[in-house]
Amino acid sequence: MPHVVDASERGRWTLVAVCATTFMLLVDITIVNVALPSVQRQLHASLTGLQWVVDAYAVSLAALILTAGALADRYGRRLVFAAGIVLFTLASFLCGIAWNIAALDGARALQGIGGAALFATALALIGAEYQGPARMNAIAIWGSTVGFAVAAGPLFGGIITDYLSWRWIFFVNIPVGVFAFVLALREVRESRDMEARRSDIGGLITFSAALFLIVFGLLRGNDQGWGSVQILGALLGGGALLVAFLVIERWQERPMLDISLFRRPAFVGVQVATFCLGAGMFALFPFISIYLQDIDGYSPLGAGLRFLPITAFVFLVPLVTRKYAARVALWLLLGGSLSIVAVGLALMETVSVGSSWTVLLPGFIVCGIGIGLANPTIAGAALRVVDPSRTGMASGISNTCRVGGLAVGVAALGVLLQHRIGTHLAAAGYPGKAASAAVSSSGLRAAGGDPRLGHAANVAFVSGLRLIFLLGCLTLVVGAGASLLVRSRRAEASEPAAAAAS
């Protein structure tokens, strides 16, 4: 039976290639978090500039995942996957040699384009090689990779930044990219949707522009003024373009986003929960990193090590609970996992001025458990709501909600953090946007050795951090509530919904 052996081996190598590239592109969402204070010192970046290091990548990634999924369905998933590897690897090199914050942000946006091609094809390539229980096992492995990559980024970033330079967090992608590219050419089987004929250019333009304008408006609102023409125009224009996108998709013969899916409560519930996980939890990582380094005074490696409790549980929980999770209803598993994350954030909200980092430890552990349960549940559900020929689109929608939540969350939470810091500094006798922006981006370093300003900055930053922990918690509660919509999945599916969580 040589054909069976070859197919099985090809499937394993496909999974290796997909997991390697997924790890690489998702690590690049969080690996920069620990390096942000070093980037700020060397490139003299503002808080907005630092937020764009995260959001330039996340916005282009989220904006193009749907398009990349549609292109993969039409032209071939392996082709789009390989092209994404090349672009991502080249952009990583450009990030590493960036000479100012604008160059770094631009290269990060280019990275996001390549990452979109990789992320959009990940579950589709797995779906093309595996069926039945084997597919669920492969998804569980991929889900563990997702969780481990997102959570392990701070540790890897700390090690690399401490012992080499923040630039090497990008250079290390180059050998991984070369390895994955060789695997893609030699081992990955091509697959496509034979019915796909046209590209959705109108949908691409309107959705990308809408997401960019919304995030731009949120990031620049504090600096430009929320009533300014620029900010109002960006936010209203983004909303209008989002409506236009939905209208365009409604009338497309082969849309990159099938609007009819939103008539299914189960589909809506999964996507809202996915968005809330990104906006309420993962978007907090940059601000926690700034707190650990610029308020508590840890090195990049010291900060990365303190993220380990999240890393360990995010990685281990899917492996340990896989068989047990299959016996639990999907809506209950999804809602329960997000509720656990919400409890973890509520525990972190007890942080106070002068407290040790260990006050965050219980929250880190609880959040890690919740994320570890949520990741494979969300990943499994993504492949079960559409026809198998459109798995590229299904994967794209789920990942767009995940990364779009991160992008919007970083922007929105940053707005609230800086506003709260500004309010406290003004009450302490340090009014002005410059002071709040400096403390928001560089913590106690903004005090320049002034003890009085240092104390005010400490109080202000911790107050702002507690606020965004609380808002993150409330966001996860909304996501947990949305999971109740998934209960209707039982009426739509002939197989147990819980199987998707395995």
Protein backbone atom coordinates (compact mmCIF):
# COMPACT_ATOMS: atom_id res chain seq x y z
CA MET A 1 0.00 0.00 0.00
CA PRO A 2 2.69 2.55 -0.97
CA HIS A 3 0.15 5.19 -1.94
CA VAL A 4 -1.37 5.22 1.56
CA VAL A 5 2.05 5.54 3.18
CA ASP A 6 3.01 8.39 0.86
CA ALA A 7 -0.24 10.23 1.52
CA SER A 8 0.17 9.82 5.27
CA GLU A 9 3.74 11.08 5.18
CA ARG A 10 2.73 14.02 2.98
CA GLY A 11 0.01 14.89 5.47
CA ARG A 12 2.53 14.94 8.31
CA TRP A 13 4.90 17.19 6.38
CA THR A 14 2.01 19.48 5.44
CA LEU A 15 1.12 19.76 9.12
CA VAL A 16 4.77 20.53 9.97
CA ALA A 17 4.90 23.27 7.31
CA VAL A 18 1.58 24.78 8.41
CA CYS A 19 2.48 24.70 12.11
CA ALA A 20 5.96 26.17 11.46
CA THR A 21 4.61 29.11 9.49
CA THR A 22 1.66 29.63 11.87
CA PHE A 23 4.07 29.70 14.78
CA MET A 24 6.27 32.20 12.94
CA LEU A 25 3.50 34.61 11.97
CA LEU A 26 1.71 34.46 15.34
CA VAL A 27 4.90 34.80 17.36
CA ASP A 28 5.43 38.02 15.42
CA ILE A 29 2.19 39.34 16.89
CA THR A 30 3.40 38.95 20.48
CA ILE A 31 7.20 38.64 20.28
CA VAL A 32 7.45 42.39 19.76
CA ASN A 33 5.59 43.08 23.01
CA VAL A 34 8.62 42.52 25.23
CA ALA A 35 10.86 44.34 22.75
CA LEU A 36 8.70 47.49 22.61
CA PRO A 37 10.52 49.36 25.40
CA SER A 38 13.85 48.65 23.63
CA VAL A 39 12.37 49.82 20.33
CA GLN A 40 11.10 52.95 22.05
CA ARG A 41 14.52 53.76 23.48
CA GLN A 42 16.43 53.22 20.23
CA LEU A 43 13.94 54.70 17.77
CA HIS A 44 12.44 57.34 20.17
CA ALA A 45 8.88 56.23 19.45
CA SER A 46 5.67 57.61 20.96
CA LEU A 47 2.91 55.36 22.34
CA THR A 48 1.10 55.68 19.00
CA GLY A 49 4.26 54.64 17.17
CA LEU A 50 4.61 51.61 19.43
CA GLN A 51 0.95 50.69 18.97
CA TRP A 52 1.48 50.79 15.21
CA VAL A 53 4.32 48.25 15.56
CA VAL A 54 1.59 45.84 16.69
CA ASP A 55 -1.33 47.23 14.70
CA ALA A 56 0.36 47.79 11.32
CA TYR A 57 0.95 44.05 11.29
CA ALA A 58 -2.43 43.13 12.75
CA VAL A 59 -4.45 45.47 10.49
CA SER A 60 -2.90 44.28 7.22
CA LEU A 61 -3.14 40.69 8.44
CA ALA A 62 -6.81 40.98 9.39
CA ALA A 63 -7.74 43.08 6.35
CA LEU A 64 -6.30 40.62 3.84
CA ILE A 65 -7.03 37.21 5.36
CA LEU A 66 -10.43 37.00 3.65
CA THR A 67 -8.98 38.01 0.30
CA ALA A 68 -6.08 35.61 0.67
CA GLY A 69 -8.52 32.82 1.49
CA ALA A 70 -10.58 33.57 -1.62
CA LEU A 71 -7.44 33.74 -3.78
CA ALA A 72 -6.27 30.44 -2.32
CA ASP A 73 -9.61 28.81 -3.17
CA ARG A 74 -9.31 30.09 -6.74
CA TYR A 75 -5.62 29.84 -7.66
CA GLY A 76 -4.41 27.12 -5.30
CA ARG A 77 -3.78 26.97 -1.58
CA ARG A 78 -0.19 25.76 -1.89
CA LEU A 79 0.62 28.57 -4.34
CA VAL A 80 -0.74 31.27 -2.04
CA PHE A 81 0.92 29.59 0.96
CA ALA A 82 4.34 29.57 -0.74
CA ALA A 83 3.96 33.20 -1.89
CA GLY A 84 3.10 34.19 1.66
CA ILE A 85 6.26 32.56 2.99
CA VAL A 86 8.44 34.51 0.55
CA LEU A 87 6.80 37.85 1.33
CA PHE A 88 6.80 37.30 5.08
CA THR A 89 10.47 36.34 5.11
CA LEU A 90 11.50 39.36 3.03
CA ALA A 91 9.45 41.71 5.22
CA SER A 92 11.08 40.23 8.35
CA PHE A 93 14.47 41.21 6.96
CA LEU A 94 13.22 44.76 6.33
CA CYS A 95 11.90 44.96 9.91
CA GLY A 96 15.30 43.94 11.21
CA ILE A 97 17.12 46.73 9.36
CA ALA A 98 14.51 49.44 10.08
CA TRP A 99 16.19 52.82 10.73
CA ASN A 100 13.22 54.62 12.31
CA ILE A 101 9.78 53.85 13.67
CA ALA A 102 8.03 54.71 10.39
CA ALA A 103 10.22 52.24 8.47
CA LEU A 104 9.54 49.56 11.07
CA ASP A 105 5.78 50.16 10.94
CA GLY A 106 5.82 50.00 7.13
CA ALA A 107 7.77 46.75 7.11
CA ARG A 108 5.39 45.34 9.72
CA ALA A 109 2.46 46.10 7.41
CA LEU A 110 4.25 44.18 4.64
CA GLN A 111 4.77 41.30 7.06
CA GLY A 112 1.04 41.29 7.69
CA ILE A 113 0.30 40.85 3.98
CA GLY A 114 2.50 37.76 3.85
CA GLY A 115 1.05 36.55 7.13
CA ALA A 116 -2.47 36.82 5.72
CA ALA A 117 -1.58 34.37 2.96
CA LEU A 118 -0.17 31.94 5.52
CA PHE A 119 -2.98 32.23 8.04
CA ALA A 120 -5.75 32.02 5.42
CA THR A 121 -4.42 28.75 4.01
CA ALA A 122 -3.51 27.02 7.29
CA LEU A 123 -6.77 25.23 8.12
CA ALA A 124 -7.58 24.75 4.43
CA LEU A 125 -4.32 22.83 3.84
CA ILE A 126 -5.00 20.71 6.93
CA GLY A 127 -8.56 20.08 5.74
CA ALA A 128 -7.28 18.94 2.34
CA GLU A 129 -4.97 16.30 3.86
CA TYR A 130 -6.95 14.97 6.84
CA GLN A 131 -10.47 13.62 7.32
CA GLY A 132 -12.57 12.54 10.32
CA PRO A 133 -10.81 11.98 13.67
CA ALA A 134 -7.40 12.49 12.05
CA ARG A 135 -8.48 15.99 11.02
CA MET A 136 -9.58 16.81 14.55
CA ASN A 137 -6.24 15.61 15.93
CA ALA A 138 -4.37 17.70 13.37
CA ILE A 139 -6.49 20.73 14.27
CA ALA A 140 -5.74 20.15 17.96
CA ILE A 141 -2.01 20.15 17.21
CA TRP A 142 -2.41 23.31 15.12
CA GLY A 143 -4.51 24.88 17.90
CA SER A 144 -1.78 24.13 20.43
CA THR A 145 0.71 25.76 18.07
CA VAL A 146 -1.50 28.85 17.85
CA GLY A 147 -1.80 29.15 21.60
CA PHE A 148 1.86 28.43 22.28
CA ALA A 149 3.02 30.91 19.63
CA VAL A 150 0.87 33.75 20.93
CA ALA A 151 1.82 33.12 24.54
CA ALA A 152 5.50 32.19 24.01
CA GLY A 153 6.28 35.30 22.00
CA PRO A 154 7.09 37.41 25.07
CA LEU A 155 9.59 34.82 26.36
CA PHE A 156 11.36 34.45 23.03
CA GLY A 157 11.31 38.20 22.57
CA GLY A 158 12.89 38.67 25.99
CA ILE A 159 15.68 36.17 25.37
CA ILE A 160 16.52 37.56 21.93
CA THR A 161 16.28 41.22 22.97
CA ASP A 162 18.44 40.69 26.07
CA TYR A 163 21.18 38.64 24.45
CA LEU A 164 21.17 39.95 20.88
CA SER A 165 18.95 42.90 19.94
CA TRP A 166 15.30 43.61 19.26
CA ARG A 167 16.23 43.46 15.56
CA TRP A 168 16.91 39.74 15.84
CA ILE A 169 13.30 38.99 16.74
CA PHE A 170 12.72 39.54 13.03
CA PHE A 171 15.92 38.07 11.63
CA VAL A 172 15.18 34.67 13.22
CA ASN A 173 12.19 34.32 10.88
CA ILE A 174 14.47 34.00 7.85
CA PRO A 175 15.73 30.40 8.40
CA VAL A 176 12.22 29.28 9.43
CA GLY A 177 10.84 30.81 6.24
CA VAL A 178 13.44 29.07 4.06
CA PHE A 179 12.69 25.70 5.71
CA ALA A 180 8.91 26.11 5.29
CA PHE A 181 9.29 27.23 1.66
CA VAL A 182 11.26 24.09 0.78
CA LEU A 183 8.61 21.92 2.47
CA ALA A 184 5.82 23.73 0.63
CA LEU A 185 7.41 23.06 -2.76
CA ARG A 186 8.36 19.44 -2.08
CA GLU A 187 5.68 18.01 0.22
CA VAL A 188 2.46 20.07 0.21
CA ARG A 189 -0.24 18.96 -2.21
CA GLU A 190 -2.04 21.60 -4.25
CA SER A 191 -5.81 22.02 -3.71
CA ARG A 192 -8.37 24.57 -4.87
CA ASP A 193 -12.07 25.27 -5.30
CA MET A 194 -12.83 24.42 -8.93
CA GLU A 195 -15.94 26.63 -8.90
CA ALA A 196 -14.08 29.83 -7.97
CA ARG A 197 -13.78 32.10 -11.02
CA ARG A 198 -13.56 35.77 -10.01
CA SER A 199 -11.66 37.81 -7.43
CA ASP A 200 -13.64 40.09 -5.11
CA ILE A 201 -11.74 43.35 -5.71
CA GLY A 202 -14.54 45.58 -4.40
CA GLY A 203 -14.75 43.62 -1.17
CA LEU A 204 -10.97 43.74 -0.72
CA ILE A 205 -10.79 47.53 -1.11
CA THR A 206 -13.76 48.40 1.09
CA PHE A 207 -12.93 45.99 3.92
CA SER A 208 -9.23 46.87 4.04
CA ALA A 209 -9.93 50.59 3.98
CA ALA A 210 -12.67 50.28 6.63
CA LEU A 211 -10.45 48.43 9.09
CA PHE A 212 -7.53 50.79 8.53
CA LEU A 213 -9.64 53.93 9.05
CA ILE A 214 -11.26 52.60 12.23
CA VAL A 215 -7.94 51.62 13.80
CA PHE A 216 -6.29 54.86 12.59
CA GLY A 217 -9.08 56.92 14.16
CA LEU A 218 -8.75 55.09 17.48
CA LEU A 219 -4.96 55.39 17.56
CA ARG A 220 -4.87 59.09 16.70
CA GLY A 221 -7.93 60.21 18.66
CA ASN A 222 -6.11 61.29 21.83
CA ASP A 223 -3.51 63.30 19.90
CA GLN A 224 -5.79 64.97 17.35
CA GLY A 225 -8.90 65.37 19.50
CA TRP A 226 -11.98 63.17 19.28
CA GLY A 227 -14.06 65.99 17.82
CA SER A 228 -11.57 66.84 15.09
CA VAL A 229 -12.53 66.54 11.44
CA GLN A 230 -9.71 64.05 10.85
CA ILE A 231 -10.77 61.62 13.56
CA LEU A 232 -14.51 61.90 13.00
CA GLY A 233 -13.95 61.51 9.27
CA ALA A 234 -11.79 58.40 9.81
CA LEU A 235 -14.25 56.68 12.17
CA LEU A 236 -17.38 57.57 10.20
CA GLY A 237 -15.68 56.75 6.91
CA GLY A 238 -14.57 53.39 8.29
CA GLY A 239 -18.11 52.61 9.39
CA ALA A 240 -19.55 53.63 6.01
CA LEU A 241 -17.01 51.50 4.15
CA LEU A 242 -17.85 48.54 6.36
CA VAL A 243 -21.52 48.89 5.39
CA ALA A 244 -20.48 49.19 1.73
CA PHE A 245 -18.43 46.02 2.08
CA LEU A 246 -21.45 44.09 3.38
CA VAL A 247 -23.59 45.39 0.49
CA ILE A 248 -20.95 44.38 -2.05
CA GLU A 249 -20.63 40.92 -0.54
CA ARG A 250 -24.39 40.50 -0.54
CA TRP A 251 -24.47 40.77 -4.35
CA GLN A 252 -21.24 38.94 -5.21
CA GLU A 253 -21.65 35.61 -7.01
CA ARG A 254 -18.64 34.19 -5.13
CA PRO A 255 -18.05 36.52 -2.17
CA MET A 256 -14.95 36.27 0.02
CA LEU A 257 -17.37 36.70 2.95
CA ASP A 258 -20.59 34.73 2.62
CA ILE A 259 -23.12 37.07 4.26
CA SER A 260 -25.68 34.26 4.49
CA LEU A 261 -23.52 32.66 7.18
CA PHE A 262 -24.53 35.46 9.53
CA ARG A 263 -28.08 34.13 9.45
CA ARG A 264 -26.81 31.20 11.50
CA PRO A 265 -26.74 32.10 15.20
CA ALA A 266 -24.04 29.50 15.80
CA PHE A 267 -21.72 31.12 13.28
CA VAL A 268 -22.30 34.59 14.72
CA GLY A 269 -21.68 33.34 18.24
CA VAL A 270 -18.33 31.76 17.36
CA GLN A 271 -17.09 34.84 15.52
CA VAL A 272 -18.14 37.28 18.27
CA ALA A 273 -16.44 35.08 20.86
CA THR A 274 -13.28 34.94 18.73
CA PHE A 275 -13.21 38.72 18.31
CA CYS A 276 -13.70 39.26 22.06
CA LEU A 277 -10.84 36.91 22.91
CA GLY A 278 -8.49 38.91 20.68
CA ALA A 279 -9.72 42.33 21.84
CA GLY A 280 -10.08 41.54 25.52
CA MET A 281 -7.07 39.30 26.21
CA PHE A 282 -4.34 39.30 23.56
CA ALA A 283 -4.56 43.07 23.09
CA LEU A 284 -3.44 43.50 26.70
CA PHE A 285 -0.02 41.92 26.17
CA PRO A 286 1.80 45.08 24.95
CA PHE A 287 0.62 47.08 27.96
CA ILE A 288 1.46 44.32 30.45
CA SER A 289 4.95 44.20 28.93
CA ILE A 290 5.45 47.95 29.32
CA TYR A 291 4.26 47.66 32.93
CA LEU A 292 6.65 44.83 33.78
CA GLN A 293 9.67 46.62 32.26
CA ASP A 294 9.07 50.34 32.65
CA ILE A 295 7.16 50.29 35.95
CA ASP A 296 8.42 47.17 37.74
CA GLY A 297 11.89 47.51 36.21
CA TYR A 298 12.46 44.04 34.78
CA SER A 299 14.69 43.36 31.79
CA PRO A 300 13.14 42.09 28.53
CA LEU A 301 14.07 38.52 29.53
CA GLY A 302 12.72 39.06 33.05
CA ALA A 303 9.42 40.27 31.62
CA GLY A 304 9.28 37.36 29.18
CA LEU A 305 9.85 34.83 31.95
CA ARG A 306 6.92 36.26 33.87
CA PHE A 307 4.64 35.43 30.95
CA LEU A 308 5.60 31.74 31.27
CA PRO A 309 2.54 30.74 33.35
CA ILE A 310 0.32 31.78 30.45
CA THR A 311 2.60 30.05 27.94
CA ALA A 312 2.68 26.74 29.77
CA PHE A 313 -1.06 26.41 30.26
CA VAL A 314 -1.99 27.63 26.78
CA PHE A 315 0.24 24.93 25.32
CA LEU A 316 -0.58 22.04 27.67
CA VAL A 317 -4.30 22.45 28.25
CA PRO A 318 -5.41 21.50 24.68
CA LEU A 319 -3.26 18.35 24.80
CA VAL A 320 -4.46 17.28 28.24
CA THR A 321 -8.16 18.04 27.73
CA ARG A 322 -8.59 16.95 24.11
CA LYS A 323 -10.42 13.68 24.84
CA TYR A 324 -12.52 15.14 27.65
CA ALA A 325 -13.46 18.26 25.67
CA ALA A 326 -15.01 16.08 22.97
CA ARG A 327 -17.72 15.08 25.46
CA VAL A 328 -18.73 18.66 26.23
CA ALA A 329 -21.22 20.65 24.15
CA LEU A 330 -19.46 23.20 21.97
CA TRP A 331 -21.42 26.19 23.31
CA LEU A 332 -20.64 25.21 26.89
CA LEU A 333 -16.94 24.66 26.18
CA LEU A 334 -16.59 27.96 24.34
CA GLY A 335 -18.55 29.99 26.88
CA GLY A 336 -16.81 28.31 29.80
CA SER A 337 -13.33 28.94 28.39
CA LEU A 338 -14.01 32.64 27.82
CA SER A 339 -15.54 32.93 31.29
CA ILE A 340 -12.35 31.45 32.74
CA VAL A 341 -10.29 34.08 30.91
CA ALA A 342 -12.62 36.79 32.27
CA VAL A 343 -12.04 35.52 35.81
CA GLY A 344 -8.29 35.62 35.20
CA LEU A 345 -8.46 39.26 34.11
CA ALA A 346 -10.58 40.11 37.15
CA LEU A 347 -7.83 38.62 39.32
CA MET A 348 -5.21 40.77 37.58
CA GLU A 349 -7.27 43.87 38.24
CA THR A 350 -6.14 43.72 41.88
CA VAL A 351 -2.67 45.04 40.91
CA SER A 352 -1.68 48.13 42.90
CA VAL A 353 1.17 50.62 43.24
CA GLY A 354 4.22 48.93 44.73
CA SER A 355 2.83 45.39 44.49
CA SER A 356 5.08 42.57 43.31
CA TRP A 357 4.52 41.05 39.89
CA THR A 358 3.29 37.91 41.69
CA VAL A 359 -0.04 39.67 42.20
CA LEU A 360 -0.57 38.97 38.49
CA LEU A 361 0.39 35.29 38.78
CA PRO A 362 -3.05 33.83 39.68
CA GLY A 363 -4.60 35.76 36.79
CA PHE A 364 -1.87 34.58 34.40
CA ILE A 365 -2.52 30.94 35.31
CA VAL A 366 -6.30 31.20 35.06
CA CYS A 367 -6.10 33.07 31.72
CA GLY A 368 -3.70 30.46 30.35
CA ILE A 369 -6.16 27.67 31.17
CA GLY A 370 -9.04 29.55 29.55
CA ILE A 371 -7.10 30.41 26.38
CA GLY A 372 -5.89 26.82 26.12
CA LEU A 373 -9.49 25.61 26.11
CA ALA A 374 -10.73 28.30 23.72
CA ASN A 375 -8.14 28.01 20.93
CA PRO A 376 -8.89 24.48 19.62
CA THR A 377 -12.61 25.01 20.15
CA ILE A 378 -12.61 28.06 17.89
CA ALA A 379 -10.33 26.41 15.32
CA GLY A 380 -12.49 23.31 15.06
CA ALA A 381 -15.70 25.29 14.67
CA ALA A 382 -14.26 27.28 11.74
CA LEU A 383 -14.25 24.25 9.41
CA ARG A 384 -17.75 23.07 10.28
CA VAL A 385 -19.91 25.99 9.14
CA VAL A 386 -19.26 25.92 5.38
CA ASP A 387 -18.94 23.48 2.51
CA PRO A 388 -15.50 21.77 2.47
CA SER A 389 -14.66 23.46 -0.85
CA ARG A 390 -14.78 26.84 0.87
CA THR A 391 -12.58 26.08 3.85
CA GLY A 392 -10.25 28.87 2.77
CA MET A 393 -13.05 31.37 3.36
CA ALA A 394 -14.09 29.76 6.64
CA SER A 395 -10.54 29.83 7.94
CA GLY A 396 -10.22 33.43 6.79
CA ILE A 397 -13.35 34.61 8.61
CA SER A 398 -12.32 33.03 11.90
CA ASN A 399 -8.77 34.37 11.73
CA THR A 400 -9.96 37.83 10.64
CA CYS A 401 -12.10 38.03 13.78
CA ARG A 402 -9.21 36.86 15.95
CA VAL A 403 -6.60 39.28 14.56
CA GLY A 404 -9.12 42.07 13.93
CA GLY A 405 -10.05 41.87 17.60
CA LEU A 406 -6.38 42.21 18.51
CA ALA A 407 -5.92 45.27 16.28
CA VAL A 408 -9.03 47.05 17.52
CA GLY A 409 -8.29 46.05 21.11
CA VAL A 410 -4.73 47.43 21.08
CA ALA A 411 -6.00 50.71 19.66
CA ALA A 412 -9.01 51.05 21.98
CA LEU A 413 -7.26 49.95 25.17
CA GLY A 414 -4.34 52.24 24.39
CA VAL A 415 -6.75 55.16 24.10
CA LEU A 416 -8.23 54.42 27.51
CA LEU A 417 -4.84 53.80 29.13
CA GLN A 418 -3.42 57.10 27.91
CA HIS A 419 -6.57 59.01 28.87
CA ARG A 420 -6.53 57.61 32.41
CA ILE A 421 -2.81 58.36 32.75
CA GLY A 422 -3.38 61.91 31.52
CA THR A 423 -6.20 62.44 34.04
CA HIS A 424 -4.04 61.29 36.96
CA LEU A 425 -1.01 63.30 35.89
CA ALA A 426 -3.11 66.45 35.49
CA ALA A 427 -4.51 65.99 39.01
CA ALA A 428 -0.93 65.61 40.29
CA GLY A 429 0.15 68.86 38.63
CA TYR A 430 1.53 67.52 35.35
CA PRO A 431 -1.06 68.46 32.72
CA GLY A 432 -0.62 68.15 28.97
CA LYS A 433 -0.67 65.48 26.28
CA ALA A 434 3.14 65.27 26.16
CA ALA A 435 3.40 64.03 29.75
CA SER A 436 0.67 61.40 29.39
CA ALA A 437 2.09 60.19 26.06
CA ALA A 438 5.60 59.89 27.51
CA VAL A 439 4.46 57.95 30.60
CA SER A 440 2.19 55.72 28.48
CA SER A 441 5.06 54.69 26.20
CA SER A 442 8.02 54.64 28.59
CA GLY A 443 6.63 54.40 32.14
CA LEU A 444 8.94 55.62 34.91
CA ARG A 445 11.70 56.43 32.41
CA ALA A 446 9.61 59.49 31.48
CA ALA A 447 10.24 60.88 34.98
CA GLY A 448 13.94 61.41 34.22
CA GLY A 449 14.94 60.83 37.84
CA ASP A 450 12.38 63.22 39.33
CA PRO A 451 10.98 61.31 42.38
CA ARG A 452 7.74 63.29 42.54
CA LEU A 453 7.00 62.80 38.86
CA GLY A 454 8.10 59.16 39.16
CA HIS A 455 5.54 58.52 41.90
CA ALA A 456 2.80 60.29 39.92
CA ALA A 457 3.70 58.28 36.81
CA ASN A 458 3.60 55.04 38.80
CA VAL A 459 0.15 55.78 40.24
CA ALA A 460 -1.17 56.93 36.87
CA PHE A 461 0.06 53.92 34.91
CA VAL A 462 -1.20 51.38 37.45
CA SER A 463 -4.60 53.09 37.48
CA GLY A 464 -4.74 52.92 33.71
CA LEU A 465 -3.67 49.28 33.72
CA ARG A 466 -6.42 48.37 36.18
CA LEU A 467 -8.95 50.11 33.95
CA ILE A 468 -7.98 48.18 30.84
CA PHE A 469 -7.92 44.90 32.80
CA LEU A 470 -11.50 45.62 33.84
CA LEU A 471 -12.56 46.45 30.29
CA GLY A 472 -10.82 43.34 28.99
CA CYS A 473 -12.76 41.30 31.54
CA LEU A 474 -16.07 42.82 30.42
CA THR A 475 -15.19 42.13 26.77
CA LEU A 476 -14.62 38.45 27.59
CA VAL A 477 -17.97 38.35 29.42
CA VAL A 478 -19.64 39.57 26.21
CA GLY A 479 -17.82 36.85 24.27
CA ALA A 480 -18.93 34.21 26.75
CA GLY A 481 -22.52 35.42 26.40
CA ALA A 482 -22.28 35.18 22.60
CA SER A 483 -21.38 31.50 22.92
CA LEU A 484 -24.99 30.84 23.96
CA LEU A 485 -25.89 31.37 20.31
CA VAL A 486 -23.86 28.28 19.43
CA ARG A 487 -26.49 26.11 21.13
CA SER A 488 -28.57 26.34 17.95
CA ARG A 489 -25.81 24.45 16.16
CA ARG A 490 -27.38 21.23 17.40
CA ALA A 491 -30.36 21.82 15.18
CA GLU A 492 -28.13 22.44 12.16
CA ALA A 493 -25.56 19.66 12.47
CA SER A 494 -26.06 15.95 12.26
CA GLU A 495 -22.83 15.23 14.17
CA PRO A 496 -22.12 16.28 17.74
CA ALA A 497 -20.93 19.86 17.86
CA ALA A 498 -18.50 19.06 20.60
CA ALA A 499 -16.35 17.13 18.17
CA ALA A 500 -15.07 20.41 16.84
CA ALA A 501 -13.45 21.13 20.13
CA SER A 502 -11.30 18.04 20.13
